[in-house]
Amino acid sequence: MGPALAEPTPQRVLIVHSFGRDFAPFDAAIATLRRELASRSPNPVVFVEAALDAGRAIGPDEEAAFVAYLSARFSQPAPDLVVSSGGPAAQFLIRHREQLFAGVPIMPTAFESRVLPRAALRPGDAMVGTQLDLPRAFESILAVLPDTRTIAVVLGDTPLERYWRQQLERDSASLADRVRFVWLDRLSLPQMIQRIAALPPDSAVFYALLLVDAAGVPHERLDALGQLKRAAPVPIFGLYENELGQGVVGGPYNSQTRVGQEAARVALRLLNAATPAPPELVTVGMDAPVYDARELRRWGIAESRLPPGSEVRFREPSPWVRYRAQIVVASLVIAAQAALIAALLVQRSRRRRAEQEARALGGRLITAYEDEGRRLARELHDDITQRLAGVSIEAAMLGRLGDPAARQAAEQSIGSELATLSRDVHAMSYRLHPSVIDDLGLGEALRIECQRAARRGQVAVDFEGDESAGRARGDRALCLFRVVQEALRNAVRHAGPHRIQVELRATDGGLEVSVRDDGHGFDTEAARGHASLGLASMRERVALLGGRLEIHSRRGQGTRVTAWVPAAEKAP
């Protein structure tokens, strides 16, 4: 037997974030970079990460301490490539590259190209930036809403966002005679919501950048956008791809997915380059305008106003497109057969349609199951496994650190990463099965889920439950828990409620839960014609246990979901 082939040496990529791993819009580009690079590289890739925390002003002493931390944690061995995410991290790396990783190629990415001089790069480096055409973005607003007289600009209050206010003021100066700009960067998010809610009808909102508001509170980009959308009496426009379909009208946008793909391509070349090449400069410009058909209809914007070459997404198919085959079949049957035969054929057609819908629903359930499996596998492979590999490598290096301070910093870093991994694995386990039901009973599980929903949707969620019913465990408890979970999710996502009331009680020889909200409500009769996977799964769960599910709702009067299952049979 021949000698075993040596395992390829993993290549280490250090990612230095400006604000944190999950700050939008940078997170979308970095997530794409990690995924594409790990899948396309011929060698294993280990990602290690650190955050500059640039959401506030950082003094020289704190910056020097961060340099010492990076050097102690990542210099033995040095990374094969250093990637920065966002402008502040890129500028930090340029200032301190000699103190940190002399000779290691760097690749600033996910930043606007004007914030970093290209001359700062050296042979072997690369830059993958974006180029925002702000005048074009403002002109597109006025093209679709020519009567606009006021544009409220949403910005945070970090040093980076203060820089972008200057850029926005400069790029909008030519419009001063057509529109008045209202700057919201000195307000907290609740104050922004109040200010936007009071805008006059001839206004629009431009969602520029909101990392940390003036009160010092950080915000996840899409969550903040959702809050603004619920309060805004006027249209909202944005700059980034992942906002499409989330409440913005549309316009020319910057694709962070394309930035991540370009960054992965360039990083792959840098990692495998035999000798340093001249710096590669890649700039990703703004894509052609894209608009949300639902928002255009909501604000009465005719598609004829859209700029040439615009794309319209999220169209709802017409009844003819959705039911064309059924209409044609029904017409032929009615024309060809007598009244009695026609009635029989219609009945058979309905039965077949129901069977098709049942098969389609079964397929959707299988697809949902497989999609969840793929998503969990991707999380384990692309996130958990990579982070475990990074911790393993750092732990192996502890013995090489002679400096006690450096060793202590590395140990603290490993402990922090292990604690984060533990929370992430616990959250993944909770999504698969809420073990709190088995440990503490249905009542406590529902109380915790209500608290989760309240935090996620920023809505008041109250819970009341009988003590005897709250001790329930097993299949019936899990069934009612999933019903409440789905009802809460639907209410938070679609109903816009101020308050949700959840009740659990023992009644009629079984257990009953009800979820009542004061949101928009919906037409239950119209909903019967459009099978919802969530509602279908609730009905199926309850039916399998011999229970019943009732949904009462009217537009403008909220929704009540009630589920009852019989008590478990007693053993003889």
Protein backbone atom coordinates (compact mmCIF):
# COMPACT_ATOMS: atom_id res chain seq x y z
CA MET A 1 0.00 0.00 0.00
CA GLY A 2 1.36 3.40 -0.98
CA PRO A 3 1.88 6.29 1.47
CA ALA A 4 -1.22 8.23 2.50
CA LEU A 5 -1.75 11.58 0.82
CA ALA A 6 -1.11 14.57 3.09
CA GLU A 7 -4.15 16.60 4.04
CA PRO A 8 -4.12 20.04 2.34
CA THR A 9 -3.19 22.89 4.67
CA PRO A 10 -6.17 25.14 5.43
CA GLN A 11 -5.89 28.73 4.24
CA ARG A 12 -6.77 31.32 6.88
CA VAL A 13 -8.82 34.37 5.96
CA LEU A 14 -9.18 37.12 8.57
CA ILE A 15 -12.29 39.30 8.19
CA VAL A 16 -12.20 42.62 10.08
CA HIS A 17 -15.72 44.08 10.33
CA SER A 18 -16.35 47.78 10.74
CA PHE A 19 -19.43 47.35 12.96
CA GLY A 20 -20.06 43.67 13.61
CA ARG A 21 -20.79 40.42 11.81
CA ASP A 22 -24.54 41.03 11.34
CA PHE A 23 -24.71 44.72 10.33
CA ALA A 24 -26.56 45.33 7.07
CA PRO A 25 -25.90 45.99 4.28
CA PHE A 26 -22.32 44.73 4.73
CA ASP A 27 -23.43 41.33 6.10
CA ALA A 28 -24.97 40.27 2.77
CA ALA A 29 -21.71 40.85 0.87
CA ILE A 30 -19.57 39.05 3.47
CA ALA A 31 -21.99 36.10 3.71
CA THR A 32 -21.79 35.67 -0.08
CA LEU A 33 -17.99 35.95 0.04
CA ARG A 34 -17.71 33.22 2.70
CA ARG A 35 -20.07 30.88 0.87
CA GLU A 36 -18.58 31.36 -2.60
CA LEU A 37 -14.96 31.21 -1.47
CA ALA A 38 -15.45 28.09 0.69
CA SER A 39 -17.23 26.25 -2.15
CA ARG A 40 -14.85 27.29 -4.98
CA SER A 41 -11.45 27.09 -3.26
CA PRO A 42 -9.39 23.94 -3.99
CA ASN A 43 -8.08 24.09 -0.40
CA PRO A 44 -9.97 24.21 2.91
CA VAL A 45 -10.65 27.79 4.02
CA VAL A 46 -10.90 28.79 7.68
CA PHE A 47 -12.50 32.17 8.40
CA VAL A 48 -11.59 34.06 11.57
CA GLU A 49 -13.26 37.36 12.39
CA ALA A 50 -12.96 40.47 14.55
CA ALA A 51 -14.98 43.69 14.80
CA LEU A 52 -13.65 47.24 15.04
CA ASP A 53 -16.91 48.51 16.61
CA ALA A 54 -16.79 51.73 14.58
CA GLY A 55 -20.31 52.75 15.58
CA ARG A 56 -18.71 55.38 17.83
CA ALA A 57 -15.57 57.52 17.84
CA ILE A 58 -12.46 55.42 18.65
CA GLY A 59 -9.50 57.16 20.25
CA PRO A 60 -5.80 56.44 19.61
CA ASP A 61 -5.39 54.37 22.80
CA GLU A 62 -8.35 52.14 22.00
CA GLU A 63 -7.20 51.73 18.40
CA ALA A 64 -3.71 50.77 19.60
CA ALA A 65 -5.26 48.20 21.95
CA PHE A 66 -7.22 46.70 19.04
CA VAL A 67 -4.00 46.49 17.00
CA ALA A 68 -2.34 44.60 19.88
CA TYR A 69 -5.34 42.30 20.18
CA LEU A 70 -5.34 41.42 16.46
CA SER A 71 -1.59 40.82 16.50
CA ALA A 72 -1.76 38.58 19.59
CA ARG A 73 -4.71 36.57 18.37
CA PHE A 74 -4.03 36.12 14.66
CA SER A 75 -0.31 36.58 13.95
CA GLN A 76 0.80 33.03 14.84
CA PRO A 77 0.42 31.85 12.16
CA ALA A 78 -0.34 34.96 10.12
CA PRO A 79 -3.48 34.84 7.94
CA ASP A 80 -3.11 34.18 4.22
CA LEU A 81 -5.48 37.06 3.40
CA VAL A 82 -6.99 39.95 5.37
CA VAL A 83 -10.44 41.18 4.27
CA SER A 84 -12.12 44.32 5.60
CA SER A 85 -15.88 44.90 5.61
CA GLY A 86 -17.00 48.52 5.36
CA GLY A 87 -15.07 51.78 5.09
CA PRO A 88 -13.86 52.22 8.72
CA ALA A 89 -12.24 48.76 8.79
CA ALA A 90 -10.60 49.38 5.40
CA GLN A 91 -9.06 52.65 6.61
CA PHE A 92 -7.93 50.96 9.84
CA LEU A 93 -6.10 48.19 7.93
CA ILE A 94 -4.36 50.68 5.66
CA ARG A 95 -3.12 52.66 8.69
CA HIS A 96 -1.79 49.65 10.62
CA ARG A 97 -0.88 46.98 8.05
CA GLU A 98 2.85 47.14 8.89
CA GLN A 99 2.19 46.71 12.62
CA LEU A 100 -0.19 43.81 12.00
CA PHE A 101 0.59 41.58 9.05
CA ALA A 102 3.42 42.97 6.93
CA GLY A 103 3.55 41.16 3.62
CA VAL A 104 0.04 39.68 3.90
CA PRO A 105 -2.28 40.75 1.04
CA ILE A 106 -5.32 42.82 2.05
CA MET A 107 -8.65 43.14 0.27
CA PRO A 108 -11.00 45.94 1.39
CA THR A 109 -14.57 45.18 0.32
CA ALA A 110 -18.22 46.12 0.97
CA PHE A 111 -17.41 49.84 1.08
CA GLU A 112 -18.07 52.83 -1.14
CA SER A 113 -14.95 53.39 -3.26
CA ARG A 114 -14.72 57.12 -2.56
CA VAL A 115 -13.89 56.57 1.15
CA LEU A 116 -10.52 54.89 0.42
CA PRO A 117 -7.78 56.18 -1.90
CA ARG A 118 -6.72 53.56 -4.41
CA ALA A 119 -3.09 54.63 -4.00
CA ALA A 120 -3.11 53.01 -0.55
CA LEU A 121 -2.93 49.54 -2.09
CA ARG A 122 0.30 47.67 -2.81
CA PRO A 123 1.24 44.85 -5.18
CA GLY A 124 -0.60 41.72 -4.13
CA ASP A 125 -3.57 43.68 -2.72
CA ALA A 126 -7.01 44.15 -4.23
CA MET A 127 -10.06 46.31 -3.67
CA VAL A 128 -13.72 45.38 -4.30
CA GLY A 129 -15.86 48.44 -3.67
CA THR A 130 -19.15 49.94 -4.72
CA GLN A 131 -20.03 53.17 -6.47
CA LEU A 132 -23.26 54.80 -5.35
CA ASP A 133 -24.82 57.20 -7.84
CA LEU A 134 -26.73 59.34 -5.34
CA PRO A 135 -27.92 62.02 -7.82
CA ARG A 136 -29.38 59.23 -9.95
CA ALA A 137 -31.18 57.80 -6.90
CA PHE A 138 -32.75 61.18 -6.08
CA GLU A 139 -33.67 61.84 -9.71
CA SER A 140 -35.44 58.46 -9.88
CA ILE A 141 -37.64 59.49 -6.92
CA LEU A 142 -38.67 62.69 -8.64
CA ALA A 143 -39.23 60.82 -11.92
CA VAL A 144 -41.90 58.56 -10.43
CA LEU A 145 -43.24 61.19 -7.98
CA PRO A 146 -42.86 64.50 -9.82
CA ASP A 147 -45.00 66.38 -7.25
CA THR A 148 -42.59 65.60 -4.40
CA ARG A 149 -41.60 68.72 -2.44
CA THR A 150 -39.97 67.13 0.65
CA ILE A 151 -37.55 64.20 1.00
CA ALA A 152 -36.83 62.95 4.54
CA VAL A 153 -33.40 61.26 4.67
CA VAL A 154 -32.93 58.45 7.22
CA LEU A 155 -29.36 58.37 8.57
CA GLY A 156 -27.69 57.23 11.76
CA ASP A 157 -25.13 59.13 13.82
CA THR A 158 -21.87 57.19 13.55
CA PRO A 159 -18.72 58.84 12.13
CA LEU A 160 -19.32 56.96 8.86
CA GLU A 161 -22.92 58.15 8.65
CA ARG A 162 -21.87 61.72 9.40
CA TYR A 163 -19.46 61.44 6.45
CA TRP A 164 -22.32 60.24 4.24
CA ARG A 165 -24.51 63.13 5.29
CA GLN A 166 -21.87 65.44 3.80
CA GLN A 167 -21.84 63.39 0.59
CA LEU A 168 -25.62 63.36 0.38
CA GLU A 169 -25.85 67.12 0.96
CA ARG A 170 -23.28 67.69 -1.78
CA ASP A 171 -24.94 65.32 -4.27
CA SER A 172 -28.42 66.74 -3.63
CA ALA A 173 -27.43 70.42 -3.85
CA SER A 174 -28.54 70.66 -7.48
CA LEU A 175 -32.10 69.78 -6.42
CA ALA A 176 -32.40 72.55 -3.83
CA ASP A 177 -34.78 74.57 -6.03
CA ARG A 178 -37.10 71.57 -6.54
CA VAL A 179 -37.26 69.81 -3.18
CA ARG A 180 -36.59 70.41 0.52
CA PHE A 181 -34.44 67.83 2.35
CA VAL A 182 -35.20 66.92 5.97
CA TRP A 183 -32.25 65.25 7.74
CA LEU A 184 -33.09 62.77 10.53
CA ASP A 185 -29.57 61.81 11.66
CA ARG A 186 -29.86 63.70 14.97
CA LEU A 187 -32.89 61.65 16.10
CA SER A 188 -33.44 58.30 17.73
CA LEU A 189 -35.40 55.72 15.74
CA PRO A 190 -38.65 56.37 17.70
CA GLN A 191 -38.24 60.09 17.02
CA MET A 192 -37.63 59.37 13.33
CA ILE A 193 -40.85 57.34 13.23
CA GLN A 194 -42.80 60.23 14.78
CA ARG A 195 -41.27 62.74 12.36
CA ILE A 196 -41.98 60.55 9.31
CA ALA A 197 -45.56 59.87 10.44
CA ALA A 198 -46.20 63.65 10.34
CA LEU A 199 -44.83 64.25 6.82
CA PRO A 200 -47.18 66.05 4.38
CA PRO A 201 -48.60 64.10 1.40
CA ASP A 202 -46.16 65.58 -1.13
CA SER A 203 -43.19 63.88 0.60
CA ALA A 204 -40.99 60.80 0.22
CA VAL A 205 -38.56 58.97 2.52
CA PHE A 206 -35.02 58.08 1.42
CA TYR A 207 -33.64 55.20 3.53
CA ALA A 208 -29.89 55.84 3.28
CA LEU A 209 -27.99 54.24 6.18
CA LEU A 210 -29.02 53.46 9.76
CA LEU A 211 -26.34 51.64 11.76
CA VAL A 212 -26.60 53.41 15.14
CA ASP A 213 -29.13 56.17 15.85
CA ALA A 214 -28.48 59.42 17.71
CA ALA A 215 -29.44 57.74 21.00
CA GLY A 216 -26.58 55.26 20.53
CA VAL A 217 -28.91 52.33 19.76
CA PRO A 218 -27.75 49.95 16.97
CA HIS A 219 -30.41 48.74 14.53
CA GLU A 220 -30.72 45.80 12.16
CA ARG A 221 -31.43 47.39 8.79
CA LEU A 222 -34.52 45.46 7.70
CA ASP A 223 -36.12 45.56 11.18
CA ALA A 224 -35.79 49.34 11.26
CA LEU A 225 -37.17 49.54 7.71
CA GLY A 226 -40.21 47.51 8.79
CA GLN A 227 -40.94 49.92 11.63
CA LEU A 228 -40.62 52.92 9.34
CA LYS A 229 -42.87 51.31 6.72
CA ARG A 230 -45.66 50.75 9.24
CA ALA A 231 -45.60 54.43 10.27
CA ALA A 232 -44.90 56.16 6.95
CA PRO A 233 -47.87 57.84 5.19
CA VAL A 234 -45.67 58.36 2.11
CA PRO A 235 -43.49 56.10 -0.12
CA ILE A 236 -40.03 54.89 1.00
CA PHE A 237 -37.05 54.53 -1.36
CA GLY A 238 -33.74 52.77 -0.68
CA LEU A 239 -30.32 51.89 -2.07
CA TYR A 240 -29.69 48.20 -1.48
CA GLU A 241 -30.86 44.96 -3.06
CA ASN A 242 -32.06 43.20 0.08
CA GLU A 243 -34.61 46.00 0.74
CA LEU A 244 -36.59 45.12 -2.40
CA GLY A 245 -39.80 43.40 -1.37
CA GLN A 246 -39.45 44.70 2.21
CA GLY A 247 -41.34 47.98 1.86
CA VAL A 248 -39.33 50.22 -0.49
CA VAL A 249 -40.82 51.35 -3.79
CA GLY A 250 -37.58 50.66 -5.68
CA GLY A 251 -35.23 52.46 -8.03
CA PRO A 252 -31.57 51.92 -8.99
CA TYR A 253 -29.95 49.76 -6.33
CA ASN A 254 -26.60 48.38 -5.21
CA SER A 255 -26.31 44.58 -5.19
CA GLN A 256 -24.33 43.36 -2.19
CA THR A 257 -24.64 39.84 -3.63
CA ARG A 258 -22.65 40.95 -6.68
CA VAL A 259 -20.10 42.60 -4.38
CA GLY A 260 -19.68 39.31 -2.48
CA GLN A 261 -19.34 37.30 -5.69
CA GLU A 262 -16.68 39.64 -7.07
CA ALA A 263 -14.87 39.61 -3.71
CA ALA A 264 -14.82 35.78 -3.71
CA ARG A 265 -13.40 35.73 -7.25
CA VAL A 266 -10.65 38.20 -6.36
CA ALA A 267 -9.88 36.51 -3.01
CA LEU A 268 -9.46 33.15 -4.77
CA ARG A 269 -6.87 34.72 -7.06
CA LEU A 270 -5.00 36.37 -4.18
CA LEU A 271 -4.86 33.14 -2.15
CA ASN A 272 -3.42 31.17 -5.05
CA ALA A 273 -1.11 33.80 -6.57
CA ALA A 274 2.51 32.64 -6.83
CA THR A 275 3.89 36.19 -6.85
CA PRO A 276 2.34 39.57 -5.97
CA ALA A 277 0.51 41.11 -8.92
CA PRO A 278 -0.39 44.78 -9.42
CA PRO A 279 -3.38 45.79 -7.30
CA GLU A 280 -6.73 44.77 -8.78
CA LEU A 281 -9.39 47.44 -8.48
CA VAL A 282 -12.99 46.26 -8.89
CA THR A 283 -15.93 48.66 -8.63
CA VAL A 284 -19.53 47.38 -8.59
CA GLY A 285 -21.90 50.08 -9.81
CA MET A 286 -25.64 50.41 -9.36
CA ASP A 287 -27.95 48.07 -11.22
CA ALA A 288 -30.85 49.09 -13.46
CA PRO A 289 -33.95 50.30 -11.59
CA VAL A 290 -36.20 47.64 -10.06
CA TYR A 291 -39.62 48.37 -8.56
CA ASP A 292 -42.07 46.51 -6.34
CA ALA A 293 -45.44 46.18 -8.12
CA ARG A 294 -47.26 46.03 -4.77
CA GLU A 295 -45.77 49.35 -3.62
CA LEU A 296 -46.48 50.99 -6.98
CA ARG A 297 -50.13 49.97 -6.64
CA ARG A 298 -50.25 51.03 -2.98
CA TRP A 299 -49.07 54.57 -3.76
CA GLY A 300 -50.88 54.94 -7.11
CA ILE A 301 -47.70 55.17 -9.20
CA ALA A 302 -48.30 54.35 -12.87
CA GLU A 303 -45.71 52.09 -14.51
CA SER A 304 -45.56 54.56 -17.39
CA ARG A 305 -43.66 56.93 -15.06
CA LEU A 306 -40.83 54.44 -14.47
CA PRO A 307 -37.44 55.15 -16.09
CA PRO A 308 -36.71 53.28 -19.34
CA GLY A 309 -35.31 49.79 -18.78
CA SER A 310 -36.92 49.41 -15.35
CA GLU A 311 -37.89 45.97 -14.05
CA VAL A 312 -41.07 45.39 -12.05
CA ARG A 313 -41.11 42.51 -9.58
CA PHE A 314 -43.66 40.91 -7.24
CA ARG A 315 -46.53 41.10 -9.71
CA GLU A 316 -49.65 39.21 -8.69
CA PRO A 317 -50.85 37.02 -11.57
CA SER A 318 -54.26 37.86 -13.00
CA PRO A 319 -57.17 35.45 -12.46
CA TRP A 320 -56.90 34.41 -16.09
CA VAL A 321 -53.22 33.45 -15.70
CA ARG A 322 -53.84 31.63 -12.43
CA TYR A 323 -56.94 29.69 -13.50
CA ARG A 324 -56.65 29.60 -17.30
CA ALA A 325 -56.71 25.78 -17.58
CA GLN A 326 -59.73 25.44 -15.26
CA ILE A 327 -61.67 28.14 -17.14
CA VAL A 328 -61.05 26.52 -20.51
CA VAL A 329 -61.99 23.03 -19.27
CA ALA A 330 -65.11 24.29 -17.53
CA SER A 331 -66.21 26.20 -20.64
CA LEU A 332 -65.78 23.17 -22.92
CA VAL A 333 -67.66 20.89 -20.51
CA ILE A 334 -70.60 23.29 -20.13
CA ALA A 335 -70.85 23.81 -23.89
CA ALA A 336 -70.65 20.09 -24.78
CA GLN A 337 -72.88 18.43 -22.21
CA ALA A 338 -76.45 18.66 -21.03
CA ALA A 339 -77.34 20.13 -17.66
CA LEU A 340 -77.19 16.84 -15.72
CA ILE A 341 -73.96 15.66 -17.33
CA ALA A 342 -72.49 19.13 -16.90
CA ALA A 343 -73.30 19.06 -13.18
CA LEU A 344 -71.62 15.65 -12.82
CA LEU A 345 -68.55 16.81 -14.71
CA VAL A 346 -68.30 19.95 -12.61
CA GLN A 347 -68.44 17.79 -9.49
CA ARG A 348 -65.71 15.53 -10.84
CA SER A 349 -63.64 18.55 -11.84
CA ARG A 350 -63.91 19.90 -8.29
CA ARG A 351 -62.85 16.55 -6.86
CA ARG A 352 -59.84 16.42 -9.14
CA ARG A 353 -58.91 19.98 -8.24
CA ALA A 354 -59.08 19.11 -4.56
CA GLU A 355 -56.87 16.06 -5.17
CA GLN A 356 -54.37 18.20 -7.08
CA GLU A 357 -54.35 20.75 -4.30
CA ALA A 358 -53.82 17.99 -1.74
CA ARG A 359 -50.90 16.61 -3.77
CA ALA A 360 -49.50 20.12 -4.24
CA LEU A 361 -49.81 20.77 -0.50
CA GLY A 362 -48.06 17.49 0.22
CA GLY A 363 -45.31 18.47 -2.19
CA ARG A 364 -44.97 21.86 -0.55
CA LEU A 365 -44.71 20.22 2.87
CA ILE A 366 -42.00 17.88 1.58
CA THR A 367 -40.21 20.80 -0.07
CA ALA A 368 -40.43 22.83 3.14
CA TYR A 369 -38.97 19.88 5.07
CA GLU A 370 -36.12 19.46 2.56
CA ASP A 371 -35.48 23.22 2.45
CA GLU A 372 -35.23 23.30 6.24
CA GLY A 373 -32.80 20.37 6.12
CA ARG A 374 -30.66 22.10 3.50
CA ARG A 375 -30.73 25.34 5.46
CA LEU A 376 -29.63 23.63 8.67
CA ALA A 377 -26.91 21.71 6.80
CA ARG A 378 -25.70 24.97 5.25
CA GLU A 379 -25.66 26.67 8.66
CA LEU A 380 -23.67 23.77 10.13
CA HIS A 381 -21.19 23.65 7.22
CA ASP A 382 -20.74 27.33 6.39
CA ASP A 383 -21.06 28.78 9.88
CA ILE A 384 -20.81 26.42 12.88
CA THR A 385 -18.18 24.09 11.36
CA GLN A 386 -16.01 26.96 10.14
CA ARG A 387 -16.18 28.69 13.51
CA LEU A 388 -15.34 25.45 15.34
CA ALA A 389 -12.34 24.97 13.05
CA GLY A 390 -11.21 28.50 13.85
CA VAL A 391 -11.53 27.90 17.60
CA SER A 392 -9.61 24.63 17.24
CA ILE A 393 -6.75 26.35 15.44
CA GLU A 394 -6.64 29.14 18.02
CA ALA A 395 -6.65 26.62 20.87
CA ALA A 396 -3.76 24.76 19.25
CA MET A 397 -1.78 28.02 19.12
CA LEU A 398 -2.13 28.76 22.84
CA GLY A 399 0.99 26.82 23.64
CA ARG A 400 3.04 28.97 21.29
CA LEU A 401 2.12 32.26 22.94
CA GLY A 402 4.87 33.23 25.36
CA ASP A 403 3.47 36.62 26.29
CA PRO A 404 1.01 36.14 29.24
CA ALA A 405 -1.07 39.10 28.12
CA ALA A 406 -1.37 37.73 24.60
CA ARG A 407 -2.21 34.27 25.96
CA GLN A 408 -4.90 35.73 28.22
CA ALA A 409 -6.41 37.72 25.33
CA ALA A 410 -6.46 34.59 23.15
CA GLU A 411 -8.09 32.54 25.94
CA GLN A 412 -10.75 35.22 26.42
CA SER A 413 -11.37 35.27 22.69
CA ILE A 414 -11.76 31.48 22.57
CA GLY A 415 -14.14 31.56 25.54
CA SER A 416 -16.22 34.31 23.96
CA GLU A 417 -16.45 32.42 20.65
CA LEU A 418 -17.43 29.17 22.43
CA ALA A 419 -20.17 31.01 24.35
CA THR A 420 -21.49 32.47 21.07
CA LEU A 421 -21.39 29.03 19.45
CA SER A 422 -23.32 27.58 22.40
CA ARG A 423 -26.07 30.20 22.00
CA ASP A 424 -26.27 29.65 18.24
CA VAL A 425 -26.49 25.85 18.59
CA HIS A 426 -29.15 26.26 21.33
CA ALA A 427 -31.20 28.53 19.02
CA MET A 428 -30.91 25.97 16.20
CA SER A 429 -32.01 23.19 18.58
CA TYR A 430 -35.02 25.27 19.71
CA ARG A 431 -36.17 25.70 16.11
CA LEU A 432 -36.08 21.91 15.62
CA HIS A 433 -37.90 21.03 18.84
CA PRO A 434 -38.85 23.25 21.81
CA SER A 435 -37.51 21.02 24.60
CA VAL A 436 -38.89 23.44 27.20
CA ILE A 437 -42.27 21.69 26.70
CA ASP A 438 -40.83 18.42 27.96
CA ASP A 439 -38.93 20.12 30.79
CA LEU A 440 -41.40 22.74 32.10
CA GLY A 441 -44.70 22.08 30.35
CA LEU A 442 -46.83 23.78 27.71
CA GLY A 443 -47.66 26.86 29.78
CA GLU A 444 -44.05 27.93 30.31
CA ALA A 445 -43.19 27.13 26.67
CA LEU A 446 -46.00 29.42 25.46
CA ARG A 447 -44.96 32.16 27.88
CA ILE A 448 -41.39 32.07 26.49
CA GLU A 449 -42.65 32.02 22.87
CA CYS A 450 -44.85 35.06 23.58
CA GLN A 451 -41.81 36.91 24.91
CA ARG A 452 -39.88 35.96 21.76
CA ALA A 453 -42.69 37.21 19.53
CA ALA A 454 -42.91 40.47 21.48
CA ARG A 455 -39.18 41.12 21.01
CA ARG A 456 -39.23 40.13 17.37
CA GLY A 457 -42.31 42.15 16.37
CA GLN A 458 -42.09 44.98 18.93
CA VAL A 459 -45.69 44.36 19.93
CA ALA A 460 -47.31 43.73 23.32
CA VAL A 461 -48.01 40.00 23.72
CA ASP A 462 -49.94 38.91 26.85
CA PHE A 463 -50.28 35.31 28.04
CA GLU A 464 -52.81 33.77 30.45
CA GLY A 465 -53.08 30.07 31.21
CA ASP A 466 -54.70 27.57 33.57
CA GLU A 467 -52.23 25.95 35.92
CA SER A 468 -53.53 22.46 35.12
CA ALA A 469 -53.39 23.02 31.37
CA GLY A 470 -49.93 24.55 31.67
CA ARG A 471 -48.51 21.24 32.92
CA ALA A 472 -49.42 19.45 29.65
CA ARG A 473 -46.64 17.65 27.76
CA GLY A 474 -46.36 15.28 24.84
CA ASP A 475 -47.86 15.35 21.32
CA ARG A 476 -50.93 17.43 22.22
CA ALA A 477 -48.84 20.08 23.94
CA LEU A 478 -46.47 20.22 20.96
CA CYS A 479 -49.43 20.51 18.54
CA LEU A 480 -50.93 23.49 20.42
CA PHE A 481 -47.50 25.09 20.77
CA ARG A 482 -46.97 24.95 16.97
CA VAL A 483 -50.43 26.41 16.37
CA VAL A 484 -49.67 29.37 18.67
CA GLN A 485 -46.20 29.78 17.14
CA GLU A 486 -47.63 29.96 13.60
CA ALA A 487 -50.48 32.28 14.66
CA LEU A 488 -48.05 34.66 16.38
CA ARG A 489 -45.75 34.63 13.35
CA ASN A 490 -48.64 35.43 10.99
CA ALA A 491 -49.95 38.22 13.23
CA VAL A 492 -46.54 39.90 13.60
CA ARG A 493 -45.71 39.60 9.89
CA HIS A 494 -49.03 40.51 8.28
CA ALA A 495 -51.54 42.04 10.71
CA GLY A 496 -49.65 45.03 12.16
CA PRO A 497 -51.19 44.60 15.65
CA HIS A 498 -50.61 46.71 18.74
CA ARG A 499 -51.50 43.90 21.16
CA ILE A 500 -51.82 40.11 20.99
CA GLN A 501 -53.58 38.02 23.68
CA VAL A 502 -52.72 34.30 24.08
CA GLU A 503 -54.84 32.08 26.39
CA LEU A 504 -54.47 28.43 27.42
CA ARG A 505 -57.16 26.56 29.34
CA ALA A 506 -58.57 23.13 30.01
CA THR A 507 -62.13 22.85 28.67
CA ASP A 508 -64.61 20.33 27.21
CA GLY A 509 -62.43 17.39 28.18
CA GLY A 510 -59.38 18.73 26.38
CA LEU A 511 -56.96 21.62 25.97
CA GLU A 512 -57.74 24.84 24.16
CA VAL A 513 -55.52 27.75 23.06
CA SER A 514 -56.61 31.03 21.50
CA VAL A 515 -54.55 33.78 19.88
CA ARG A 516 -56.37 37.11 19.44
CA ASP A 517 -54.86 40.26 17.89
CA ASP A 518 -56.15 43.75 17.14
CA GLY A 519 -54.48 43.98 13.73
CA HIS A 520 -55.76 44.53 10.18
CA GLY A 521 -57.66 41.25 9.91
CA PHE A 522 -58.46 39.55 6.61
CA ASP A 523 -61.30 38.11 4.54
CA THR A 524 -61.52 34.46 5.64
CA GLU A 525 -63.78 33.52 2.73
CA ALA A 526 -61.31 34.88 0.19
CA ALA A 527 -58.45 33.14 2.01
CA ARG A 528 -60.09 29.73 1.49
CA GLY A 529 -59.32 29.93 -2.22
CA HIS A 530 -55.59 30.39 -1.67
CA ALA A 531 -54.08 27.49 0.27
CA SER A 532 -51.58 28.74 2.85
CA LEU A 533 -48.90 26.30 3.96
CA GLY A 534 -48.95 27.73 7.50
CA LEU A 535 -52.74 27.51 7.90
CA ALA A 536 -52.80 24.08 6.27
CA SER A 537 -50.12 22.76 8.64
CA MET A 538 -52.10 24.05 11.64
CA ARG A 539 -55.30 22.36 10.45
CA GLU A 540 -53.44 19.12 9.70
CA ARG A 541 -51.75 19.01 13.13
CA VAL A 542 -55.04 19.56 14.97
CA ALA A 543 -57.01 17.11 12.77
CA LEU A 544 -54.48 14.31 13.36
CA LEU A 545 -55.24 14.53 17.08
CA GLY A 546 -59.02 14.62 16.60
CA GLY A 547 -59.30 18.29 17.47
CA ARG A 548 -60.72 21.37 15.77
CA LEU A 549 -59.33 24.67 14.54
CA GLU A 550 -61.38 27.85 14.08
CA ILE A 551 -60.26 31.14 12.54
CA HIS A 552 -62.45 34.26 12.84
CA SER A 553 -61.38 37.50 11.20
CA ARG A 554 -62.77 40.56 9.45
CA ARG A 555 -60.91 43.39 7.80
CA GLY A 556 -60.13 46.10 10.31
CA GLN A 557 -61.39 44.02 13.29
CA GLY A 558 -58.46 41.75 14.11
CA THR A 559 -58.16 37.96 14.07
CA ARG A 560 -58.86 35.15 16.56
CA VAL A 561 -57.37 31.65 16.12
CA THR A 562 -58.75 28.93 18.43
CA ALA A 563 -57.50 25.33 18.59
CA TRP A 564 -58.87 22.52 20.76
CA VAL A 565 -57.53 18.96 21.14
CA PRO A 566 -58.98 16.20 23.34
CA ALA A 567 -57.15 15.15 26.46
CA ALA A 568 -54.85 12.14 26.07
CA GLU A 569 -56.54 8.80 26.68
CA LYS A 570 -55.76 7.26 30.04
CA ALA A 571 -53.89 3.96 30.11
CA PRO A 572 -56.11 1.02 31.19
